[in-house]
Amino acid sequence: TPIPPVQVFGIFVSIGVMLAWVWTLTFIPAAIMLFPERWLEGL
């Protein structure tokens, strides 16, 4: 688009979406592994 603030908005939301994807794949499994085993017993 020919509107600079909209360009910045679109580009950095895109960057944020891919950051969310990367950290979801890496951090969420790591966080679950850090849980004490007793936290998961109820599941």
All heavy atoms as atom14 arrays in JSON, in Angstrom:
{
  "sequence": "TPIPPVQVFGIFVSIGVMLAWVWTLTFIPAAIMLFPERWLEGL",
  "atom14_mask": [
    [1, 1, 1, 1, 1, 1, 1, 0, 0, 0, 0, 0, 0, 0],
    [1, 1, 1, 1, 1, 1, 1, 0, 0, 0, 0, 0, 0, 0],
    [1, 1, 1, 1, 1, 1, 1, 1, 0, 0, 0, 0, 0, 0],
    [1, 1, 1, 1, 1, 1, 1, 0, 0, 0, 0, 0, 0, 0],
    [1, 1, 1, 1, 1, 1, 1, 0, 0, 0, 0, 0, 0, 0],
    [1, 1, 1, 1, 1, 1, 1, 0, 0, 0, 0, 0, 0, 0],
    [1, 1, 1, 1, 1, 1, 1, 1, 1, 0, 0, 0, 0, 0],
    [1, 1, 1, 1, 1, 1, 1, 0, 0, 0, 0, 0, 0, 0],
    [1, 1, 1, 1, 1, 1, 1, 1, 1, 1, 1, 0, 0, 0],
    [1, 1, 1, 1, 0, 0, 0, 0, 0, 0, 0, 0, 0, 0],
    [1, 1, 1, 1, 1, 1, 1, 1, 0, 0, 0, 0, 0, 0],
    [1, 1, 1, 1, 1, 1, 1, 1, 1, 1, 1, 0, 0, 0],
    [1, 1, 1, 1, 1, 1, 1, 0, 0, 0, 0, 0, 0, 0],
    [1, 1, 1, 1, 1, 1, 0, 0, 0, 0, 0, 0, 0, 0],
    [1, 1, 1, 1, 1, 1, 1, 1, 0, 0, 0, 0, 0, 0],
    [1, 1, 1, 1, 0, 0, 0, 0, 0, 0, 0, 0, 0, 0],
    [1, 1, 1, 1, 1, 1, 1, 0, 0, 0, 0, 0, 0, 0],
    [1, 1, 1, 1, 1, 1, 1, 1, 0, 0, 0, 0, 0, 0],
    [1, 1, 1, 1, 1, 1, 1, 1, 0, 0, 0, 0, 0, 0],
    [1, 1, 1, 1, 1, 0, 0, 0, 0, 0, 0, 0, 0, 0],
    [1, 1, 1, 1, 1, 1, 1, 1, 1, 1, 1, 1, 1, 1],
    [1, 1, 1, 1, 1, 1, 1, 0, 0, 0, 0, 0, 0, 0],
    [1, 1, 1, 1, 1, 1, 1, 1, 1, 1, 1, 1, 1, 1],
    [1, 1, 1, 1, 1, 1, 1, 0, 0, 0, 0, 0, 0, 0],
    [1, 1, 1, 1, 1, 1, 1, 1, 0, 0, 0, 0, 0, 0],
    [1, 1, 1, 1, 1, 1, 1, 0, 0, 0, 0, 0, 0, 0],
    [1, 1, 1, 1, 1, 1, 1, 1, 1, 1, 1, 0, 0, 0],
    [1, 1, 1, 1, 1, 1, 1, 1, 0, 0, 0, 0, 0, 0],
    [1, 1, 1, 1, 1, 1, 1, 0, 0, 0, 0, 0, 0, 0],
    [1, 1, 1, 1, 1, 0, 0, 0, 0, 0, 0, 0, 0, 0],
    [1, 1, 1, 1, 1, 0, 0, 0, 0, 0, 0, 0, 0, 0],
    [1, 1, 1, 1, 1, 1, 1, 1, 0, 0, 0, 0, 0, 0],
    [1, 1, 1, 1, 1, 1, 1, 1, 0, 0, 0, 0, 0, 0],
    [1, 1, 1, 1, 1, 1, 1, 1, 0, 0, 0, 0, 0, 0],
    [1, 1, 1, 1, 1, 1, 1, 1, 1, 1, 1, 0, 0, 0],
    [1, 1, 1, 1, 1, 1, 1, 0, 0, 0, 0, 0, 0, 0],
    [1, 1, 1, 1, 1, 1, 1, 1, 1, 0, 0, 0, 0, 0],
    [1, 1, 1, 1, 1, 1, 1, 1, 1, 1, 1, 0, 0, 0],
    [1, 1, 1, 1, 1, 1, 1, 1, 1, 1, 1, 1, 1, 1],
    [1, 1, 1, 1, 1, 1, 1, 1, 0, 0, 0, 0, 0, 0],
    [1, 1, 1, 1, 1, 1, 1, 1, 1, 0, 0, 0, 0, 0],
    [1, 1, 1, 1, 0, 0, 0, 0, 0, 0, 0, 0, 0, 0],
    [1, 1, 1, 1, 1, 1, 1, 1, 0, 0, 0, 0, 0, 0]
  ],
  "atom14_positions": [
    [[0.84, -1.2, 0.0], [0.0, 0.0, 0.0], [0.88, 1.25, 0.0], [2.01, 1.23, 0.49], [-0.91, 0.03, 1.24], [-0.09, 0.14, 2.41], [-1.75, -1.21, 1.34], [0.0, 0.0, 0.0], [0.0, 0.0, 0.0], [0.0, 0.0, 0.0], [0.0, 0.0, 0.0], [0.0, 0.0, 0.0], [0.0, 0.0, 0.0], [0.0, 0.0, 0.0]],
    [[0.37, 2.36, -0.54], [1.17, 3.6, -0.58], [1.06, 4.43, 0.7], [1.22, 5.65, 0.67], [0.56, 4.34, -1.77], [-0.87, 3.93, -1.75], [-0.9, 2.5, -1.27], [0.0, 0.0, 0.0], [0.0, 0.0, 0.0], [0.0, 0.0, 0.0], [0.0, 0.0, 0.0], [0.0, 0.0, 0.0], [0.0, 0.0, 0.0], [0.0, 0.0, 0.0]],
    [[0.76, 3.78, 1.83], [0.59, 4.49, 3.1], [1.66, 3.99, 4.07], [1.57, 2.85, 4.54], [-0.82, 4.25, 3.68], [-1.89, 4.6, 2.63], [-1.04, 5.05, 4.95], [-3.3, 4.25, 3.06], [0.0, 0.0, 0.0], [0.0, 0.0, 0.0], [0.0, 0.0, 0.0], [0.0, 0.0, 0.0], [0.0, 0.0, 0.0], [0.0, 0.0, 0.0]],
    [[2.68, 4.79, 4.37], [3.82, 4.32, 5.18], [3.43, 3.68, 6.52], [3.94, 2.6, 6.83], [4.66, 5.58, 5.37], [4.35, 6.41, 4.17], [2.91, 6.16, 3.86], [0.0, 0.0, 0.0], [0.0, 0.0, 0.0], [0.0, 0.0, 0.0], [0.0, 0.0, 0.0], [0.0, 0.0, 0.0], [0.0, 0.0, 0.0], [0.0, 0.0, 0.0]],
    [[2.56, 4.28, 7.34], [2.23, 3.62, 8.62], [1.57, 2.26, 8.44], [1.78, 1.35, 9.24], [1.28, 4.62, 9.3], [1.6, 5.92, 8.68], [1.94, 5.61, 7.26], [0.0, 0.0, 0.0], [0.0, 0.0, 0.0], [0.0, 0.0, 0.0], [0.0, 0.0, 0.0], [0.0, 0.0, 0.0], [0.0, 0.0, 0.0], [0.0, 0.0, 0.0]],
    [[0.77, 2.11, 7.38], [0.13, 0.82, 7.12], [1.18, -0.19, 6.67], [1.1, -1.38, 7.02], [-0.98, 0.98, 6.06], [-1.58, -0.38, 5.71], [-2.07, 1.9, 6.58], [0.0, 0.0, 0.0], [0.0, 0.0, 0.0], [0.0, 0.0, 0.0], [0.0, 0.0, 0.0], [0.0, 0.0, 0.0], [0.0, 0.0, 0.0], [0.0, 0.0, 0.0]],
    [[2.18, 0.26, 5.91], [3.27, -0.63, 5.51], [4.01, -1.15, 6.73], [4.28, -2.36, 6.84], [4.23, 0.12, 4.59], [3.64, 0.51, 3.25], [4.58, 1.39, 2.44], [5.54, 1.95, 2.98], [4.31, 1.54, 1.16], [0.0, 0.0, 0.0], [0.0, 0.0, 0.0], [0.0, 0.0, 0.0], [0.0, 0.0, 0.0], [0.0, 0.0, 0.0]],
    [[4.35, -0.26, 7.65], [5.06, -0.67, 8.87], [4.21, -1.64, 9.67], [4.7, -2.67, 10.16], [5.41, 0.58, 9.72], [5.97, 0.17, 11.07], [6.42, 1.46, 8.97], [0.0, 0.0, 0.0], [0.0, 0.0, 0.0], [0.0, 0.0, 0.0], [0.0, 0.0, 0.0], [0.0, 0.0, 0.0], [0.0, 0.0, 0.0], [0.0, 0.0, 0.0]],
    [[2.93, -1.33, 9.78], [2.01, -2.21, 10.52], [2.01, -3.61, 9.92], [2.17, -4.61, 10.64], [0.61, -1.61, 10.49], [-0.45, -2.5, 11.05], [-0.64, -2.62, 12.42], [-1.28, -3.23, 10.2], [-1.63, -3.45, 12.93], [-2.27, -4.06, 10.71], [-2.44, -4.17, 12.07], [0.0, 0.0, 0.0], [0.0, 0.0, 0.0], [0.0, 0.0, 0.0]],
    [[1.83, -3.71, 8.62], [1.76, -5.02, 7.98], [3.04, -5.81, 8.11], [3.02, -7.02, 8.41], [0.0, 0.0, 0.0], [0.0, 0.0, 0.0], [0.0, 0.0, 0.0], [0.0, 0.0, 0.0], [0.0, 0.0, 0.0], [0.0, 0.0, 0.0], [0.0, 0.0, 0.0], [0.0, 0.0, 0.0], [0.0, 0.0, 0.0], [0.0, 0.0, 0.0]],
    [[4.18, -5.15, 7.91], [5.47, -5.84, 7.95], [5.74, -6.4, 9.34], [6.13, -7.56, 9.51], [6.6, -4.88, 7.52], [6.48, -4.59, 6.02], [7.98, -5.48, 7.83], [7.4, -3.5, 5.54], [0.0, 0.0, 0.0], [0.0, 0.0, 0.0], [0.0, 0.0, 0.0], [0.0, 0.0, 0.0], [0.0, 0.0, 0.0], [0.0, 0.0, 0.0]],
    [[5.51, -5.59, 10.37], [5.9, -6.03, 11.71], [4.87, -6.97, 12.34], [5.23, -7.78, 13.2], [6.2, -4.83, 12.6], [7.54, -4.23, 12.31], [7.67, -3.16, 11.44], [8.68, -4.76, 12.88], [8.91, -2.63, 11.14], [9.93, -4.23, 12.59], [10.05, -3.16, 11.72], [0.0, 0.0, 0.0], [0.0, 0.0, 0.0], [0.0, 0.0, 0.0]],
    [[3.62, -6.89, 11.94], [2.69, -7.93, 12.38], [3.1, -9.26, 11.77], [3.04, -10.31, 12.43], [1.23, -7.57, 12.0], [0.32, -8.77, 12.24], [0.74, -6.4, 12.83], [0.0, 0.0, 0.0], [0.0, 0.0, 0.0], [0.0, 0.0, 0.0], [0.0, 0.0, 0.0], [0.0, 0.0, 0.0], [0.0, 0.0, 0.0], [0.0, 0.0, 0.0]],
    [[3.53, -9.23, 10.51], [4.02, -10.46, 9.86], [5.22, -11.03, 10.61], [5.3, -12.25, 10.84], [4.4, -10.16, 8.41], [3.3, -9.67, 7.68], [0.0, 0.0, 0.0], [0.0, 0.0, 0.0], [0.0, 0.0, 0.0], [0.0, 0.0, 0.0], [0.0, 0.0, 0.0], [0.0, 0.0, 0.0], [0.0, 0.0, 0.0], [0.0, 0.0, 0.0]],
    [[6.14, -10.17, 10.99], [7.3, -10.63, 11.77], [6.85, -11.22, 13.09], [7.33, -12.27, 13.53], [8.27, -9.46, 11.99], [8.91, -9.03, 10.66], [9.37, -9.84, 13.0], [9.76, -7.79, 10.75], [0.0, 0.0, 0.0], [0.0, 0.0, 0.0], [0.0, 0.0, 0.0], [0.0, 0.0, 0.0], [0.0, 0.0, 0.0], [0.0, 0.0, 0.0]],
    [[5.9, -10.56, 13.76], [5.39, -11.06, 15.03], [4.71, -12.41, 14.89], [4.84, -13.27, 15.78], [0.0, 0.0, 0.0], [0.0, 0.0, 0.0], [0.0, 0.0, 0.0], [0.0, 0.0, 0.0], [0.0, 0.0, 0.0], [0.0, 0.0, 0.0], [0.0, 0.0, 0.0], [0.0, 0.0, 0.0], [0.0, 0.0, 0.0], [0.0, 0.0, 0.0]],
    [[4.0, -12.63, 13.78], [3.33, -13.91, 13.56], [4.35, -15.03, 13.44], [4.19, -16.12, 14.02], [2.45, -13.84, 12.29], [1.94, -15.24, 11.91], [1.26, -12.91, 12.52], [0.0, 0.0, 0.0], [0.0, 0.0, 0.0], [0.0, 0.0, 0.0], [0.0, 0.0, 0.0], [0.0, 0.0, 0.0], [0.0, 0.0, 0.0], [0.0, 0.0, 0.0]],
    [[5.43, -14.79, 12.71], [6.45, -15.83, 12.55], [7.24, -16.05, 13.84], [7.65, -17.18, 14.14], [7.38, -15.48, 11.39], [6.7, -15.46, 10.03], [5.65, -16.92, 9.71], [6.86, -18.25, 9.74], [0.0, 0.0, 0.0], [0.0, 0.0, 0.0], [0.0, 0.0, 0.0], [0.0, 0.0, 0.0], [0.0, 0.0, 0.0], [0.0, 0.0, 0.0]],
    [[7.45, -14.99, 14.6], [8.08, -15.17, 15.92], [7.19, -16.04, 16.81], [7.69, -16.91, 17.53], [8.31, -13.81, 16.58], [9.48, -12.96, 16.05], [9.45, -11.58, 16.71], [10.81, -13.64, 16.32], [0.0, 0.0, 0.0], [0.0, 0.0, 0.0], [0.0, 0.0, 0.0], [0.0, 0.0, 0.0], [0.0, 0.0, 0.0], [0.0, 0.0, 0.0]],
    [[5.89, -15.79, 16.74], [4.95, -16.6, 17.54], [5.03, -18.06, 17.12], [4.99, -18.97, 17.98], [3.53, -16.07, 17.37], [0.0, 0.0, 0.0], [0.0, 0.0, 0.0], [0.0, 0.0, 0.0], [0.0, 0.0, 0.0], [0.0, 0.0, 0.0], [0.0, 0.0, 0.0], [0.0, 0.0, 0.0], [0.0, 0.0, 0.0], [0.0, 0.0, 0.0]],
    [[5.15, -18.32, 15.82], [5.25, -19.7, 15.34], [6.53, -20.37, 15.85], [6.49, -21.5, 16.36], [5.22, -19.7, 13.81], [5.45, -21.04, 13.19], [4.57, -22.08, 13.15], [6.65, -21.49, 12.55], [5.13, -23.16, 12.52], [6.42, -22.83, 12.13], [7.87, -20.91, 12.27], [7.37, -23.58, 11.46], [8.83, -21.65, 11.6], [8.58, -22.97, 11.2]],
    [[7.66, -19.67, 15.74], [8.95, -20.24, 16.16], [8.93, -20.57, 17.65], [9.3, -21.68, 18.07], [10.1, -19.27, 15.84], [11.4, -19.74, 16.5], [10.3, -19.16, 14.34], [0.0, 0.0, 0.0], [0.0, 0.0, 0.0], [0.0, 0.0, 0.0], [0.0, 0.0, 0.0], [0.0, 0.0, 0.0], [0.0, 0.0, 0.0], [0.0, 0.0, 0.0]],
    [[8.49, -19.62, 18.47], [8.54, -19.84, 19.91], [7.48, -20.82, 20.38], [7.66, -21.5, 21.39], [8.41, -18.51, 20.65], [9.57, -17.6, 20.45], [9.55, -16.32, 20.0], [10.95, -17.91, 20.69], [10.82, -15.8, 19.93], [11.71, -16.76, 20.35], [11.64, -19.03, 21.13], [13.08, -16.7, 20.47], [13.02, -18.99, 21.23], [13.74, -17.83, 20.91]],
    [[6.37, -20.92, 19.65], [5.37, -21.94, 20.0], [5.94, -23.34, 19.82], [5.76, -24.22, 20.67], [4.1, -21.77, 19.15], [3.51, -20.5, 19.44], [3.09, -22.87, 19.45], [0.0, 0.0, 0.0], [0.0, 0.0, 0.0], [0.0, 0.0, 0.0], [0.0, 0.0, 0.0], [0.0, 0.0, 0.0], [0.0, 0.0, 0.0], [0.0, 0.0, 0.0]],
    [[6.64, -23.53, 18.71], [7.22, -24.86, 18.44], [8.36, -25.22, 19.39], [8.61, -26.39, 19.65], [7.73, -24.92, 16.99], [6.68, -24.84, 15.88], [7.35, -24.93, 14.52], [5.64, -25.94, 16.04], [0.0, 0.0, 0.0], [0.0, 0.0, 0.0], [0.0, 0.0, 0.0], [0.0, 0.0, 0.0], [0.0, 0.0, 0.0], [0.0, 0.0, 0.0]],
    [[9.06, -24.2, 19.89], [10.24, -24.48, 20.71], [9.99, -24.31, 22.2], [10.37, -25.17, 23.01], [11.41, -23.57, 20.27], [10.97, -22.19, 20.33], [11.85, -23.88, 18.86], [0.0, 0.0, 0.0], [0.0, 0.0, 0.0], [0.0, 0.0, 0.0], [0.0, 0.0, 0.0], [0.0, 0.0, 0.0], [0.0, 0.0, 0.0], [0.0, 0.0, 0.0]],
    [[9.34, -23.21, 22.57], [9.22, -22.91, 24.01], [8.11, -23.71, 24.68], [8.26, -24.14, 25.83], [8.98, -21.42, 24.23], [8.67, -21.07, 25.66], [9.65, -21.2, 26.65], [7.4, -20.66, 26.04], [9.36, -20.9, 27.98], [7.12, -20.36, 27.36], [8.09, -20.49, 28.33], [0.0, 0.0, 0.0], [0.0, 0.0, 0.0], [0.0, 0.0, 0.0]],
    [[6.98, -23.9, 24.0], [5.87, -24.61, 24.65], [6.27, -26.03, 25.04], [6.03, -26.46, 26.19], [4.62, -24.6, 23.75], [4.09, -23.17, 23.59], [3.53, -25.49, 24.34], [3.68, -22.5, 24.89], [0.0, 0.0, 0.0], [0.0, 0.0, 0.0], [0.0, 0.0, 0.0], [0.0, 0.0, 0.0], [0.0, 0.0, 0.0], [0.0, 0.0, 0.0]],
    [[6.9, -26.83, 24.17], [7.37, -28.14, 24.62], [8.4, -28.03, 25.75], [8.37, -28.84, 26.7], [8.0, -28.75, 23.36], [7.34, -28.05, 22.24], [7.11, -26.66, 22.71], [0.0, 0.0, 0.0], [0.0, 0.0, 0.0], [0.0, 0.0, 0.0], [0.0, 0.0, 0.0], [0.0, 0.0, 0.0], [0.0, 0.0, 0.0], [0.0, 0.0, 0.0]],
    [[9.3, -27.03, 25.66], [10.28, -26.85, 26.73], [9.6, -26.52, 28.05], [9.99, -27.03, 29.11], [11.26, -25.75, 26.34], [0.0, 0.0, 0.0], [0.0, 0.0, 0.0], [0.0, 0.0, 0.0], [0.0, 0.0, 0.0], [0.0, 0.0, 0.0], [0.0, 0.0, 0.0], [0.0, 0.0, 0.0], [0.0, 0.0, 0.0], [0.0, 0.0, 0.0]],
    [[8.58, -25.66, 28.0], [7.88, -25.28, 29.24], [7.18, -26.48, 29.85], [7.19, -26.67, 31.08], [6.87, -24.17, 28.94], [0.0, 0.0, 0.0], [0.0, 0.0, 0.0], [0.0, 0.0, 0.0], [0.0, 0.0, 0.0], [0.0, 0.0, 0.0], [0.0, 0.0, 0.0], [0.0, 0.0, 0.0], [0.0, 0.0, 0.0], [0.0, 0.0, 0.0]],
    [[6.55, -27.31, 29.01], [5.86, -28.5, 29.54], [6.86, -29.46, 30.17], [6.58, -30.09, 31.2], [5.07, -29.18, 28.4], [3.91, -28.27, 27.97], [4.54, -30.54, 28.85], [3.12, -28.79, 26.8], [0.0, 0.0, 0.0], [0.0, 0.0, 0.0], [0.0, 0.0, 0.0], [0.0, 0.0, 0.0], [0.0, 0.0, 0.0], [0.0, 0.0, 0.0]],
    [[8.06, -29.56, 29.59], [9.08, -30.43, 30.17], [9.59, -29.91, 31.51], [10.09, -30.68, 32.34], [10.25, -30.6, 29.2], [9.94, -31.41, 27.96], [9.31, -33.06, 28.36], [10.67, -33.75, 29.28], [0.0, 0.0, 0.0], [0.0, 0.0, 0.0], [0.0, 0.0, 0.0], [0.0, 0.0, 0.0], [0.0, 0.0, 0.0], [0.0, 0.0, 0.0]],
    [[9.47, -28.59, 31.73], [9.94, -28.01, 32.98], [8.9, -28.16, 34.11], [9.23, -27.91, 35.26], [10.28, -26.53, 32.79], [11.51, -26.24, 31.91], [11.66, -24.74, 31.68], [12.77, -26.8, 32.56], [0.0, 0.0, 0.0], [0.0, 0.0, 0.0], [0.0, 0.0, 0.0], [0.0, 0.0, 0.0], [0.0, 0.0, 0.0], [0.0, 0.0, 0.0]],
    [[7.67, -28.52, 33.76], [6.66, -28.7, 34.79], [7.04, -29.88, 35.69], [7.52, -30.91, 35.21], [5.29, -29.0, 34.18], [4.67, -27.85, 33.45], [3.76, -28.07, 32.43], [5.0, -26.54, 33.77], [3.18, -27.02, 31.76], [4.43, -25.48, 33.1], [3.53, -25.72, 32.09], [0.0, 0.0, 0.0], [0.0, 0.0, 0.0], [0.0, 0.0, 0.0]],
    [[6.82, -29.77, 37.0], [6.97, -30.94, 37.86], [6.0, -32.04, 37.42], [4.88, -31.75, 36.99], [6.63, -30.41, 39.26], [6.85, -28.93, 39.16], [6.51, -28.54, 37.76], [0.0, 0.0, 0.0], [0.0, 0.0, 0.0], [0.0, 0.0, 0.0], [0.0, 0.0, 0.0], [0.0, 0.0, 0.0], [0.0, 0.0, 0.0], [0.0, 0.0, 0.0]],
    [[6.42, -33.26, 37.56], [5.61, -34.39, 37.1], [4.25, -34.43, 37.79], [3.24, -34.8, 37.17], [6.35, -35.7, 37.37], [5.74, -36.91, 36.68], [5.91, -36.87, 35.18], [6.98, -36.42, 34.71], [4.97, -37.28, 34.48], [0.0, 0.0, 0.0], [0.0, 0.0, 0.0], [0.0, 0.0, 0.0], [0.0, 0.0, 0.0], [0.0, 0.0, 0.0]],
    [[4.2, -33.99, 39.04], [2.93, -34.07, 39.79], [1.88, -33.12, 39.19], [0.68, -33.32, 39.38], [3.15, -33.73, 41.26], [3.61, -32.31, 41.52], [3.8, -32.05, 43.02], [4.14, -30.67, 43.3], [5.37, -30.17, 43.22], [6.38, -30.95, 42.87], [5.59, -28.89, 43.49], [0.0, 0.0, 0.0], [0.0, 0.0, 0.0], [0.0, 0.0, 0.0]],
    [[2.33, -32.05, 38.47], [1.38, -31.14, 37.87], [0.58, -31.82, 36.76], [-0.53, -31.39, 36.44], [2.1, -29.92, 37.3], [2.61, -28.97, 38.34], [2.7, -29.21, 39.67], [3.09, -27.66, 38.12], [3.22, -28.13, 40.31], [3.48, -27.14, 39.38], [3.26, -26.85, 37.01], [4.01, -25.88, 39.54], [3.79, -25.59, 37.15], [4.16, -25.1, 38.41]],
    [[1.16, -32.84, 36.16], [0.51, -33.49, 35.03], [-0.25, -34.74, 35.43], [-0.91, -35.35, 34.58], [1.56, -33.86, 33.96], [2.39, -32.7, 33.41], [3.45, -33.22, 32.46], [1.5, -31.69, 32.69], [0.0, 0.0, 0.0], [0.0, 0.0, 0.0], [0.0, 0.0, 0.0], [0.0, 0.0, 0.0], [0.0, 0.0, 0.0], [0.0, 0.0, 0.0]],
    [[-0.15, -35.13, 36.68], [-0.79, -36.37, 37.1], [-2.3, -36.33, 36.91], [-2.93, -37.32, 36.6], [-0.45, -36.67, 38.57], [1.01, -37.03, 38.78], [1.33, -37.22, 40.26], [0.42, -36.97, 41.08], [2.47, -37.59, 40.58], [0.0, 0.0, 0.0], [0.0, 0.0, 0.0], [0.0, 0.0, 0.0], [0.0, 0.0, 0.0], [0.0, 0.0, 0.0]],
    [[-2.88, -35.18, 37.1], [-4.33, -35.07, 36.99], [-4.84, -35.22, 35.58], [-6.04, -35.44, 35.37], [0.0, 0.0, 0.0], [0.0, 0.0, 0.0], [0.0, 0.0, 0.0], [0.0, 0.0, 0.0], [0.0, 0.0, 0.0], [0.0, 0.0, 0.0], [0.0, 0.0, 0.0], [0.0, 0.0, 0.0], [0.0, 0.0, 0.0], [0.0, 0.0, 0.0]],
    [[-3.95, -35.11, 34.57], [-4.4, -35.24, 33.2], [-4.41, -36.68, 32.72], [-5.06, -37.01, 31.73], [-3.46, -34.43, 32.27], [-3.41, -32.91, 32.49], [-2.46, -32.28, 31.5], [-4.8, -32.3, 32.35], [0.0, 0.0, 0.0], [0.0, 0.0, 0.0], [0.0, 0.0, 0.0], [0.0, 0.0, 0.0], [0.0, 0.0, 0.0], [0.0, 0.0, 0.0]]
  ]
}
